[in-house]
Amino acid sequence: MTATVVATRPIEGQKPGTSGLRKKTAVFREPGYLENYVQAVIDGVGGVAGREIVVGGDGRFFNDTAIGVILRMLAANGAAKAIVGQGGMLSTPAASNLIRTRRAFGGFVLSASHNPGGEDGDFGLKFNVANGGPAPEPITDAIFARTRTIDAYRIVQDAAPPLSSVGTASLAGLAVEVVDPVADYVAMMERLVDFGRIRALFASGFRLRFDAMNAVTGPYAKAILEDRLGAPRGTVVNAVPLPDFGGGHPDPNPVYAAPLYALMGSGDAPDMGAASDGDGDRNIVLGRSLPVSPSDSLAVLAANLHLAKGYAGGLKGIARSMPTSRAADRVAAKLGVPLYETPTGWKFFGNLLDAGRATICGEESAGTGSDHVREKDGLWAVLVWLDIVAARGLSVADIVRDHWRGFGRDYYTRHDYEAIDTAAGDALMVALREAIPTLPGRGAAGLTVTQADDFAYTDPTDGSVSNRQGVRVMFDNGARAVFRLSGTGTEGATLRVYLETFEPDLARHHLDPQHALAPVIAAADQLAGIAERTGRAGPDVIT
């Protein structure tokens, strides 16, 4: 049926520079809201006429309905083809891979990442460009501008075809190809890690517990770990993706993945624990009684990546987000490769990967990836860990401790103050930024500030500049505190405080991170006035 132009209203988009839109699911379900945003994306990327577009998401509540709307709008806007994951499912790294392998113009990725799902939970939508990564700032700025002025959207009245079976259908001139969401991803992993070596590891009696948190990674993990690599049935738990993630919060941290952490600290712990998040791009790895911090995981993976099948040629460079600990910096220095410190956000890594400047990238919020896609990839990180364990013949804990012996230990933690009053969070950051010139020389909790700044980044590939990316405070003992307001929530603001200190003394590598960092934690609270400004006695989540 002929496309219909529907009058509508401007909408509240996301701020410029962000890679997508996250709101409460109820907001996306408001009449016209989703349609308005999808049209703003289509207009902001320059139109989709004659283009091939990938579409898929993490299966959370409203995922299937939203995909139906997107397909009808792609048809109305003249797209040639939509490539959709069966059942509307695609993990974020799998979507990135599909965009790249199919040479698509881009893709709609439906997810709110690690945020809760369900009718009362969160929903998200972003557009990834032809390299498979999140849209860069000029495009997100154009999308945001369009959300403020949009007055119409285009949609066909025909119903979208069912997505339950693999095959191709037609929708008002749009070819809709439904594909197996797992197959291409499995083939890619087999090129990157040694399936035979990992299969032998499991055959030797090695035990793994992978918690898919009732999120999208479940089918991928079962297909690879159990079906292809021979891990015993039941290795992957919470493997069935559910619209509300089983009522859980699909974030693999010590609070929301508490059962896995408890198991790994028990007398019946398997050899390795792992988990991924809602859309499959984050990961956590745990040894027996030794959780591996995301910052340490990046450093260990970088130092050992040459052992994995697809990286035998070594590294071109390492990239980390600014709040991530400096453990990876020490690896880069030893390997003699560049280290890039970027703002938070995977799109900054994408430029470096496209330019061939980096091989592995990571951020402290449990995101790790390489140049195989342009998103972080949770299951990839777990498989590379397994490949390294198999190659070295050591346990996860022994590999980490060996790394500390060679490079020293970067004690690191992140304190999250969730859903604080937005005005209070903004005021705290404003006060910190205004105080930057006066911070050097100031004492707090027995430490003295030596340097402070508001991190700015000049992209070495295109010269673009990103300012105000987080306040950094350096102390006289080499410790560091970083303060940022996060944009990943849908209620209030989340203040994230990143704290680290370097410990070269082997005799002190046994300390609990919170104990080792106690002076830095106290100094950060005093300098920022966290308790006074937020009314919180302590963080909601410690990772």
Protein backbone atom coordinates (compact mmCIF):
# COMPACT_ATOMS: atom_id res chain seq x y z
CA MET A 1 0.00 0.00 0.00
CA THR A 2 1.15 3.54 -0.70
CA ALA A 3 3.25 5.10 2.05
CA THR A 4 1.32 7.43 4.31
CA VAL A 5 2.69 10.73 5.59
CA VAL A 6 1.47 11.31 9.14
CA ALA A 7 1.57 14.70 10.83
CA THR A 8 3.20 14.54 14.25
CA ARG A 9 5.14 16.62 16.78
CA PRO A 10 8.75 17.22 17.80
CA ILE A 11 10.06 14.74 20.38
CA GLU A 12 12.55 14.75 23.20
CA GLY A 13 15.63 13.15 21.72
CA GLN A 14 18.88 12.27 23.41
CA LYS A 15 21.56 14.89 23.86
CA PRO A 16 23.97 15.45 20.95
CA GLY A 17 26.93 13.11 20.80
CA THR A 18 25.21 10.07 22.30
CA SER A 19 24.93 6.96 20.17
CA GLY A 20 21.25 6.26 20.70
CA LEU A 21 18.08 6.87 22.68
CA ARG A 22 17.18 5.20 25.97
CA LYS A 23 13.92 5.85 27.73
CA LYS A 24 11.36 4.00 29.78
CA THR A 25 9.51 1.48 27.63
CA ALA A 26 6.29 3.36 28.33
CA VAL A 27 7.74 6.45 26.64
CA PHE A 28 8.59 4.52 23.46
CA ARG A 29 5.03 3.13 23.45
CA GLU A 30 3.45 6.58 23.44
CA PRO A 31 1.54 7.15 20.17
CA GLY A 32 3.98 8.32 17.49
CA TYR A 33 7.06 8.45 19.73
CA LEU A 34 8.93 5.49 18.22
CA GLU A 35 7.88 6.49 14.71
CA ASN A 36 9.09 10.03 15.19
CA TYR A 37 12.48 8.90 16.42
CA VAL A 38 12.94 6.32 13.66
CA GLN A 39 12.12 8.97 11.04
CA ALA A 40 14.56 11.36 12.72
CA VAL A 41 17.25 8.69 12.44
CA ILE A 42 16.44 8.01 8.80
CA ASP A 43 16.57 11.72 8.00
CA GLY A 44 19.69 12.24 10.12
CA VAL A 45 21.68 9.56 8.27
CA GLY A 46 20.73 11.06 4.91
CA GLY A 47 17.90 8.70 4.00
CA VAL A 48 17.76 4.98 3.29
CA ALA A 49 16.43 4.87 -0.28
CA GLY A 50 17.94 1.90 -2.11
CA ARG A 51 19.93 0.86 0.97
CA GLU A 52 20.29 -2.42 2.85
CA ILE A 53 19.67 -2.13 6.59
CA VAL A 54 20.27 -4.65 9.40
CA VAL A 55 17.64 -4.78 12.15
CA GLY A 56 17.70 -6.70 15.44
CA GLY A 57 17.74 -6.39 19.19
CA ASP A 58 18.15 -8.05 22.55
CA GLY A 59 14.62 -9.44 22.79
CA ARG A 60 13.46 -7.23 25.61
CA PHE A 61 9.78 -6.28 25.92
CA PHE A 62 8.54 -4.27 22.90
CA ASN A 63 11.44 -5.50 20.73
CA ASP A 64 9.20 -7.37 18.25
CA THR A 65 6.61 -4.61 18.02
CA ALA A 66 9.26 -1.95 17.45
CA ILE A 67 10.93 -3.99 14.71
CA GLY A 68 7.60 -4.27 12.91
CA VAL A 69 7.27 -0.47 12.96
CA ILE A 70 10.86 0.00 11.75
CA LEU A 71 10.32 -2.40 8.83
CA ARG A 72 7.16 -0.59 7.76
CA MET A 73 9.02 2.71 7.91
CA LEU A 74 12.01 1.40 5.98
CA ALA A 75 9.59 0.31 3.26
CA ALA A 76 7.92 3.72 3.22
CA ASN A 77 11.28 5.46 2.98
CA GLY A 78 12.39 3.41 0.00
CA ALA A 79 14.94 1.02 1.54
CA ALA A 80 15.81 -1.91 -0.71
CA LYS A 81 16.32 -4.61 1.88
CA ALA A 82 16.14 -5.30 5.60
CA ILE A 83 18.23 -8.11 7.10
CA VAL A 84 16.58 -9.15 10.37
CA GLY A 85 17.58 -11.65 13.03
CA GLN A 86 15.13 -14.54 13.40
CA GLY A 87 12.57 -13.63 16.04
CA GLY A 88 13.95 -10.09 15.94
CA MET A 89 17.03 -11.21 17.89
CA LEU A 90 20.60 -10.05 17.33
CA SER A 91 23.23 -9.44 19.97
CA THR A 92 24.92 -6.08 19.52
CA PRO A 93 28.27 -7.59 18.41
CA ALA A 94 26.43 -9.98 16.07
CA ALA A 95 24.58 -7.02 14.54
CA SER A 96 27.90 -5.23 14.03
CA ASN A 97 29.32 -8.31 12.34
CA LEU A 98 26.27 -8.68 10.10
CA ILE A 99 26.45 -5.04 8.99
CA ARG A 100 30.10 -5.54 8.07
CA THR A 101 29.83 -8.92 6.34
CA ARG A 102 26.74 -7.91 4.35
CA ARG A 103 28.24 -4.50 3.52
CA ALA A 104 25.00 -2.90 4.67
CA PHE A 105 24.48 0.85 4.88
CA GLY A 106 23.93 0.47 8.62
CA GLY A 107 21.58 -1.03 11.14
CA PHE A 108 18.97 -0.35 13.79
CA VAL A 109 20.07 -1.97 17.07
CA LEU A 110 17.30 -2.26 19.63
CA SER A 111 18.61 -2.46 23.17
CA ALA A 112 19.00 -0.60 26.43
CA SER A 113 22.16 -2.64 27.07
CA HIS A 114 22.47 -3.64 30.73
CA ASN A 115 19.36 -1.75 31.87
CA PRO A 116 16.31 -3.71 33.18
CA GLY A 117 13.64 -4.77 30.70
CA GLY A 118 9.92 -5.50 30.82
CA GLU A 119 6.81 -3.40 30.49
CA ASP A 120 7.97 -1.17 33.34
CA GLY A 121 11.64 -1.33 32.37
CA ASP A 122 13.78 0.42 29.78
CA PHE A 123 14.01 0.39 26.01
CA GLY A 124 16.64 1.71 23.64
CA LEU A 125 17.35 2.23 19.97
CA LYS A 126 20.48 3.30 18.12
CA PHE A 127 21.81 3.36 14.57
CA ASN A 128 25.11 1.72 13.68
CA VAL A 129 26.85 2.86 10.52
CA ALA A 130 28.53 0.92 7.70
CA ASN A 131 31.65 0.03 9.70
CA GLY A 132 29.36 -1.77 12.18
CA GLY A 133 29.93 0.73 14.97
CA PRO A 134 27.76 3.36 16.66
CA ALA A 135 27.06 6.47 14.61
CA PRO A 136 29.77 9.15 15.03
CA GLU A 137 29.01 12.53 16.55
CA PRO A 138 28.23 14.45 13.32
CA ILE A 139 25.48 11.92 12.58
CA THR A 140 24.14 11.75 16.13
CA ASP A 141 24.10 15.55 16.20
CA ALA A 142 22.09 15.56 12.96
CA ILE A 143 19.66 12.99 14.38
CA PHE A 144 19.22 15.02 17.55
CA ALA A 145 18.60 18.21 15.57
CA ARG A 146 15.97 16.42 13.51
CA THR A 147 14.15 15.20 16.65
CA ARG A 148 13.58 18.85 17.55
CA THR A 149 11.99 19.82 14.25
CA ILE A 150 10.34 16.69 12.86
CA ASP A 151 6.80 17.25 11.64
CA ALA A 152 6.02 14.03 9.77
CA TYR A 153 7.02 10.40 9.44
CA ARG A 154 6.52 7.90 6.63
CA ILE A 155 5.06 4.43 7.17
CA VAL A 156 3.22 1.87 5.06
CA GLN A 157 -0.08 0.45 6.23
CA ASP A 158 0.81 -3.13 5.30
CA ALA A 159 1.60 -5.43 8.22
CA ALA A 160 5.22 -6.43 8.71
CA PRO A 161 5.96 -10.07 7.83
CA PRO A 162 6.46 -12.63 10.63
CA LEU A 163 10.05 -13.11 11.80
CA SER A 164 9.73 -16.61 13.20
CA SER A 165 11.29 -18.47 10.26
CA VAL A 166 14.43 -17.98 8.19
CA GLY A 167 13.60 -16.83 4.68
CA THR A 168 12.73 -13.80 2.56
CA ALA A 169 9.44 -11.94 2.28
CA SER A 170 8.32 -8.70 0.65
CA LEU A 171 6.81 -5.65 2.35
CA ALA A 172 5.61 -2.93 -0.02
CA GLY A 173 8.74 -3.29 -2.15
CA LEU A 174 11.10 -3.89 0.76
CA ALA A 175 12.80 -7.28 0.76
CA VAL A 176 12.80 -8.61 4.32
CA GLU A 177 15.41 -11.35 4.81
CA VAL A 178 15.15 -13.20 8.12
CA VAL A 179 18.48 -14.80 9.03
CA ASP A 180 19.79 -17.15 11.71
CA PRO A 181 21.06 -14.64 14.31
CA VAL A 182 23.78 -16.99 15.60
CA ALA A 183 25.36 -18.71 12.58
CA ASP A 184 27.53 -15.87 11.22
CA TYR A 185 28.75 -15.03 14.71
CA VAL A 186 29.80 -18.63 15.40
CA ALA A 187 31.74 -18.73 12.12
CA MET A 188 33.54 -15.52 13.06
CA MET A 189 34.52 -16.85 16.50
CA GLU A 190 35.94 -20.01 14.93
CA ARG A 191 38.31 -17.82 12.92
CA LEU A 192 39.48 -15.93 16.01
CA VAL A 193 39.99 -18.61 18.68
CA ASP A 194 41.19 -22.20 18.53
CA PHE A 195 38.03 -24.29 18.87
CA GLY A 196 40.05 -27.51 18.91
CA ARG A 197 42.24 -26.35 21.78
CA ILE A 198 39.27 -25.17 23.84
CA ARG A 199 37.41 -28.40 23.07
CA ALA A 200 40.37 -30.31 24.47
CA LEU A 201 40.32 -28.11 27.57
CA PHE A 202 36.71 -29.05 28.29
CA ALA A 203 37.45 -32.71 27.51
CA SER A 204 40.13 -32.63 30.20
CA GLY A 205 37.49 -31.89 32.84
CA PHE A 206 37.70 -28.08 32.89
CA ARG A 207 34.48 -26.62 34.29
CA LEU A 208 32.89 -23.30 33.30
CA ARG A 209 29.75 -21.56 34.51
CA PHE A 210 28.44 -19.02 32.01
CA ASP A 211 25.47 -16.94 33.19
CA ALA A 212 23.58 -15.50 30.22
CA MET A 213 21.26 -13.62 32.63
CA ASN A 214 18.18 -14.54 30.54
CA ALA A 215 19.47 -12.17 27.89
CA VAL A 216 20.39 -12.38 24.24
CA THR A 217 23.77 -14.12 24.66
CA GLY A 218 22.17 -17.37 25.82
CA PRO A 219 21.61 -18.92 22.36
CA TYR A 220 25.09 -17.82 21.21
CA ALA A 221 26.78 -19.25 24.30
CA LYS A 222 24.94 -22.57 24.09
CA ALA A 223 25.67 -22.91 20.37
CA ILE A 224 29.39 -22.32 20.87
CA LEU A 225 30.24 -23.56 24.36
CA GLU A 226 27.98 -26.59 24.57
CA ASP A 227 27.25 -27.56 20.95
CA ARG A 228 30.61 -26.79 19.32
CA LEU A 229 33.17 -26.89 22.14
CA GLY A 230 31.78 -29.80 24.12
CA ALA A 231 31.19 -28.09 27.45
CA PRO A 232 28.74 -30.18 29.52
CA ARG A 233 25.03 -29.41 29.21
CA GLY A 234 24.12 -26.90 31.87
CA THR A 235 27.39 -24.99 31.54
CA VAL A 236 25.29 -22.09 30.27
CA VAL A 237 22.65 -21.07 32.79
CA ASN A 238 19.77 -18.61 32.42
CA ALA A 239 20.18 -19.27 28.72
CA VAL A 240 16.67 -18.44 27.47
CA PRO A 241 16.22 -14.75 26.55
CA LEU A 242 13.14 -13.32 28.27
CA PRO A 243 11.39 -10.00 27.65
CA ASP A 244 11.99 -8.94 31.26
CA PHE A 245 15.27 -10.88 31.69
CA GLY A 246 13.47 -13.08 34.19
CA GLY A 247 12.85 -10.10 36.44
CA GLY A 248 16.58 -9.59 36.84
CA HIS A 249 18.94 -6.77 36.00
CA PRO A 250 21.18 -7.98 33.13
CA ASP A 251 24.38 -6.31 34.29
CA PRO A 252 27.21 -8.73 35.18
CA ASN A 253 28.45 -6.98 38.29
CA PRO A 254 28.75 -8.24 41.89
CA VAL A 255 25.26 -6.95 42.78
CA TYR A 256 23.19 -8.21 39.85
CA ALA A 257 25.25 -11.37 39.17
CA ALA A 258 25.58 -12.16 42.88
CA PRO A 259 24.83 -15.91 42.52
CA LEU A 260 27.74 -16.34 40.10
CA TYR A 261 30.11 -14.42 42.37
CA ALA A 262 28.98 -16.50 45.35
CA LEU A 263 29.51 -19.74 43.44
CA MET A 264 33.02 -18.72 42.40
CA GLY A 265 33.90 -18.02 46.01
CA SER A 266 32.52 -21.33 47.28
CA GLY A 267 34.12 -24.70 47.82
CA ASP A 268 32.29 -26.06 44.77
CA ALA A 269 33.52 -23.37 42.38
CA PRO A 270 34.14 -24.40 38.77
CA ASP A 271 37.44 -23.49 37.15
CA MET A 272 36.06 -20.30 35.59
CA GLY A 273 32.95 -18.16 35.81
CA ALA A 274 31.68 -15.72 33.22
CA ALA A 275 28.63 -13.66 32.38
CA SER A 276 27.37 -11.25 29.77
CA ASP A 277 24.75 -8.51 29.77
CA GLY A 278 21.42 -7.68 28.15
CA ASP A 279 22.62 -7.20 24.58
CA GLY A 280 25.75 -9.33 24.74
CA ASP A 281 28.43 -6.66 24.54
CA ARG A 282 29.71 -6.73 28.13
CA ASN A 283 31.44 -9.48 30.06
CA ILE A 284 32.84 -10.45 33.40
CA VAL A 285 35.37 -13.23 34.03
CA LEU A 286 35.99 -14.82 37.42
CA GLY A 287 38.58 -17.29 38.64
CA ARG A 288 38.15 -19.31 41.81
CA SER A 289 37.89 -16.73 44.62
CA LEU A 290 39.32 -14.10 42.25
CA PRO A 291 37.00 -11.87 40.22
CA VAL A 292 38.93 -10.27 37.36
CA SER A 293 38.29 -6.55 37.17
CA PRO A 294 37.40 -5.31 33.68
CA SER A 295 40.54 -3.16 33.67
CA ASP A 296 42.74 -6.13 34.58
CA SER A 297 40.93 -8.26 32.02
CA LEU A 298 41.80 -5.81 29.25
CA ALA A 299 45.45 -5.77 30.31
CA VAL A 300 45.72 -9.56 30.61
CA LEU A 301 43.98 -10.13 27.28
CA ALA A 302 46.27 -7.59 25.60
CA ALA A 303 49.39 -9.20 27.04
CA ASN A 304 48.31 -12.67 25.90
CA LEU A 305 46.29 -11.98 22.78
CA HIS A 306 49.01 -13.30 20.49
CA LEU A 307 48.24 -16.78 21.84
CA ALA A 308 44.72 -16.70 20.37
CA LYS A 309 44.31 -18.13 16.88
CA GLY A 310 43.27 -14.95 15.11
CA TYR A 311 45.92 -12.68 16.65
CA ALA A 312 49.17 -14.57 16.12
CA GLY A 313 50.61 -11.54 14.33
CA GLY A 314 50.54 -9.47 17.51
CA LEU A 315 48.98 -6.11 18.33
CA LYS A 316 48.96 -2.86 16.38
CA GLY A 317 47.97 -0.90 19.45
CA ILE A 318 45.81 -0.86 22.58
CA ALA A 319 42.99 1.57 23.30
CA ARG A 320 41.18 2.16 26.58
CA SER A 321 38.58 4.60 27.79
CA MET A 322 39.91 7.32 30.05
CA PRO A 323 38.23 5.99 33.25
CA THR A 324 39.72 2.52 32.70
CA SER A 325 42.76 1.82 34.86
CA ARG A 326 46.26 2.31 33.51
CA ALA A 327 47.10 -1.41 33.67
CA ALA A 328 46.85 -1.66 29.88
CA ASP A 329 49.29 1.24 29.52
CA ARG A 330 52.03 -0.89 31.12
CA VAL A 331 51.34 -3.70 28.64
CA ALA A 332 51.52 -1.32 25.69
CA ALA A 333 54.84 0.04 26.93
CA LYS A 334 56.34 -3.44 27.29
CA LEU A 335 55.08 -4.53 23.86
CA GLY A 336 56.24 -1.29 22.26
CA VAL A 337 52.84 -0.50 20.75
CA PRO A 338 50.79 2.71 20.99
CA LEU A 339 48.31 3.23 23.84
CA TYR A 340 45.28 5.40 23.10
CA GLU A 341 43.24 6.97 25.91
CA THR A 342 39.79 7.91 24.62
CA PRO A 343 36.53 9.25 26.01
CA THR A 344 33.94 6.72 27.11
CA GLY A 345 31.99 5.40 24.12
CA TRP A 346 32.81 2.68 21.63
CA LYS A 347 32.54 4.99 18.62
CA PHE A 348 35.89 6.53 19.59
CA PHE A 349 37.51 3.10 19.36
CA GLY A 350 35.89 2.57 15.96
CA ASN A 351 37.97 5.31 14.35
CA LEU A 352 41.19 3.79 15.70
CA LEU A 353 40.21 0.30 14.58
CA ASP A 354 39.21 1.48 11.11
CA ALA A 355 42.56 3.26 10.79
CA GLY A 356 44.47 0.11 11.79
CA ARG A 357 45.94 1.82 14.85
CA ALA A 358 44.56 -0.57 17.50
CA THR A 359 43.81 -4.28 17.78
CA ILE A 360 42.17 -4.53 21.20
CA CYS A 361 40.03 -2.00 23.07
CA GLY A 362 38.39 -1.91 26.46
CA GLU A 363 36.48 0.14 28.96
CA GLU A 364 36.12 -0.28 32.68
CA SER A 365 32.38 -0.96 32.50
CA ALA A 366 32.99 -4.59 31.53
CA GLY A 367 33.37 -3.92 27.81
CA THR A 368 36.16 -5.49 25.77
CA GLY A 369 36.54 -6.01 22.03
CA SER A 370 38.93 -6.16 19.12
CA ASP A 371 39.14 -5.24 15.46
CA HIS A 372 36.81 -8.12 14.48
CA VAL A 373 33.73 -5.88 14.95
CA ARG A 374 33.09 -2.28 15.94
CA GLU A 375 31.32 -2.98 19.22
CA LYS A 376 32.45 -4.50 22.47
CA ASP A 377 31.84 -8.24 22.51
CA GLY A 378 31.18 -10.12 25.72
CA LEU A 379 31.23 -13.70 24.47
CA TRP A 380 34.34 -13.03 22.38
CA ALA A 381 36.20 -11.94 25.53
CA VAL A 382 35.16 -15.11 27.36
CA LEU A 383 36.26 -17.30 24.43
CA VAL A 384 39.64 -15.56 24.21
CA TRP A 385 40.10 -16.10 27.95
CA LEU A 386 39.36 -19.80 27.43
CA ASP A 387 41.85 -19.94 24.56
CA ILE A 388 44.55 -18.32 26.73
CA VAL A 389 43.83 -20.66 29.64
CA ALA A 390 44.11 -23.62 27.27
CA ALA A 391 47.32 -22.33 25.68
CA ARG A 392 49.09 -21.53 28.94
CA GLY A 393 47.84 -24.44 31.02
CA LEU A 394 47.22 -22.16 34.00
CA SER A 395 44.09 -21.25 35.93
CA VAL A 396 42.44 -17.86 35.55
CA ALA A 397 43.68 -16.83 39.00
CA ASP A 398 47.24 -17.94 38.26
CA ILE A 399 47.28 -16.05 34.95
CA VAL A 400 46.14 -12.86 36.72
CA ARG A 401 48.65 -13.23 39.55
CA ASP A 402 51.43 -13.92 37.05
CA HIS A 403 50.42 -10.72 35.27
CA TRP A 404 50.67 -8.76 38.52
CA ARG A 405 54.14 -10.19 39.16
CA GLY A 406 55.29 -8.97 35.77
CA PHE A 407 53.52 -5.63 35.58
CA GLY A 408 52.54 -4.70 39.14
CA ARG A 409 48.95 -4.43 40.32
CA ASP A 410 46.64 -1.53 39.56
CA TYR A 411 44.12 -1.59 42.37
CA TYR A 412 40.89 -0.27 40.89
CA THR A 413 37.24 0.21 41.77
CA ARG A 414 34.20 2.08 40.53
CA HIS A 415 31.60 3.54 42.88
CA ASP A 416 28.18 4.19 41.35
CA TYR A 417 25.68 6.52 42.97
CA GLU A 418 22.54 5.62 41.03
CA ALA A 419 19.39 7.64 40.38
CA ILE A 420 20.62 10.68 42.28
CA ASP A 421 18.83 13.97 41.79
CA THR A 422 19.89 15.28 38.38
CA ALA A 423 20.28 18.84 39.61
CA ALA A 424 22.46 17.68 42.50
CA GLY A 425 24.64 15.64 40.16
CA ASP A 426 25.01 18.55 37.75
CA ALA A 427 25.88 20.91 40.61
CA LEU A 428 28.55 18.52 41.90
CA MET A 429 30.22 18.35 38.50
CA VAL A 430 30.00 22.11 37.98
CA ALA A 431 31.63 22.70 41.37
CA LEU A 432 34.40 20.21 40.58
CA ARG A 433 35.11 21.81 37.21
CA GLU A 434 35.22 25.28 38.71
CA ALA A 435 37.63 24.05 41.40
CA ILE A 436 40.13 22.47 38.96
CA PRO A 437 42.58 25.43 38.98
CA THR A 438 42.69 25.40 42.79
CA LEU A 439 42.92 21.65 43.39
CA PRO A 440 46.70 21.12 42.92
CA GLY A 441 48.35 21.35 46.32
CA ARG A 442 45.13 20.70 48.21
CA GLY A 443 45.25 17.95 50.82
CA ALA A 444 42.51 15.39 51.45
CA ALA A 445 42.50 12.22 53.58
CA GLY A 446 46.28 12.33 53.89
CA LEU A 447 46.87 12.71 50.14
CA THR A 448 47.86 15.79 48.18
CA VAL A 449 46.49 16.68 44.75
CA THR A 450 49.26 17.10 42.19
CA GLN A 451 47.22 17.65 39.04
CA ALA A 452 43.58 18.07 37.97
CA ASP A 453 41.88 18.56 34.62
CA ASP A 454 38.71 18.01 32.61
CA PHE A 455 39.64 15.36 30.09
CA ALA A 456 39.61 16.44 26.43
CA TYR A 457 40.39 14.21 23.47
CA THR A 458 41.63 15.01 19.99
CA ASP A 459 40.96 12.08 17.67
CA PRO A 460 44.25 11.17 15.96
CA THR A 461 42.40 9.90 12.88
CA ASP A 462 40.18 12.87 12.01
CA GLY A 463 41.23 15.70 14.33
CA SER A 464 37.81 15.99 15.99
CA VAL A 465 37.83 17.27 19.56
CA SER A 466 35.70 16.04 22.47
CA ASN A 467 35.73 18.21 25.59
CA ARG A 468 34.40 17.86 29.15
CA GLN A 469 34.74 14.08 29.28
CA GLY A 470 35.33 13.74 33.01
CA VAL A 471 37.24 15.40 35.83
CA ARG A 472 40.57 13.71 36.62
CA VAL A 473 42.40 14.23 39.91
CA MET A 474 45.95 12.92 40.44
CA PHE A 475 47.50 12.46 43.88
CA ASP A 476 51.07 12.53 45.14
CA ASN A 477 51.21 8.74 45.61
CA GLY A 478 50.34 8.18 41.93
CA ALA A 479 46.70 7.41 42.68
CA ARG A 480 43.89 8.81 40.55
CA ALA A 481 40.19 9.64 40.95
CA VAL A 482 37.87 10.33 38.02
CA PHE A 483 34.37 11.79 38.23
CA ARG A 484 31.69 11.47 35.54
CA LEU A 485 27.92 11.67 35.24
CA SER A 486 26.64 8.71 33.25
CA GLY A 487 24.06 8.95 30.48
CA THR A 488 23.09 5.26 30.43
CA GLY A 489 20.22 5.41 32.90
CA THR A 490 16.63 6.50 32.41
CA GLU A 491 15.92 7.91 35.88
CA GLY A 492 17.81 10.71 37.55
CA ALA A 493 21.57 10.73 37.11
CA THR A 494 24.30 8.24 37.96
CA LEU A 495 27.50 9.62 39.43
CA ARG A 496 30.41 7.33 38.67
CA VAL A 497 33.63 7.69 40.64
CA TYR A 498 36.62 5.73 39.37
CA LEU A 499 39.48 5.16 41.82
CA GLU A 500 42.86 3.56 41.28
CA THR A 501 46.33 3.25 42.71
CA PHE A 502 49.40 1.35 41.52
CA GLU A 503 51.10 -1.19 43.77
CA PRO A 504 54.45 -2.59 42.57
CA ASP A 505 55.14 -4.47 45.83
CA LEU A 506 54.32 -8.17 45.40
CA ALA A 507 53.86 -8.53 49.14
CA ARG A 508 50.84 -6.21 48.98
CA HIS A 509 49.06 -7.80 46.01
CA HIS A 510 46.80 -9.79 48.35
CA LEU A 511 44.93 -6.74 49.65
CA ASP A 512 41.22 -6.24 49.07
CA PRO A 513 40.82 -3.39 46.53
CA GLN A 514 38.51 -1.38 48.78
CA HIS A 515 41.09 -1.58 51.58
CA ALA A 516 44.01 -0.73 49.31
CA LEU A 517 42.07 2.23 47.91
CA ALA A 518 40.63 3.51 51.20
CA PRO A 519 42.70 6.75 51.24
CA VAL A 520 41.80 7.53 47.63
CA ILE A 521 38.11 6.81 48.26
CA ALA A 522 38.10 9.15 51.26
CA ALA A 523 39.98 11.88 49.37
CA ALA A 524 37.59 11.72 46.43
CA ASP A 525 34.57 12.04 48.70
CA GLN A 526 36.07 15.03 50.50
CA LEU A 527 37.11 16.87 47.33
CA ALA A 528 33.77 16.40 45.57
CA GLY A 529 31.54 16.62 48.65
CA ILE A 530 29.68 13.53 47.50
CA ALA A 531 27.86 12.77 50.74
CA GLU A 532 26.79 16.37 51.25
CA ARG A 533 25.67 16.99 47.67
CA THR A 534 23.93 13.68 46.99
CA GLY A 535 22.66 12.80 50.45
CA ARG A 536 24.11 9.31 50.02
CA ALA A 537 26.14 7.64 52.73
CA GLY A 538 27.82 5.42 50.15
CA PRO A 539 27.58 4.07 46.60
CA ASP A 540 24.75 1.85 45.42
CA VAL A 541 27.04 -0.41 43.40
CA ILE A 542 30.75 -1.12 43.86
CA THR A 543 32.62 -2.89 41.07
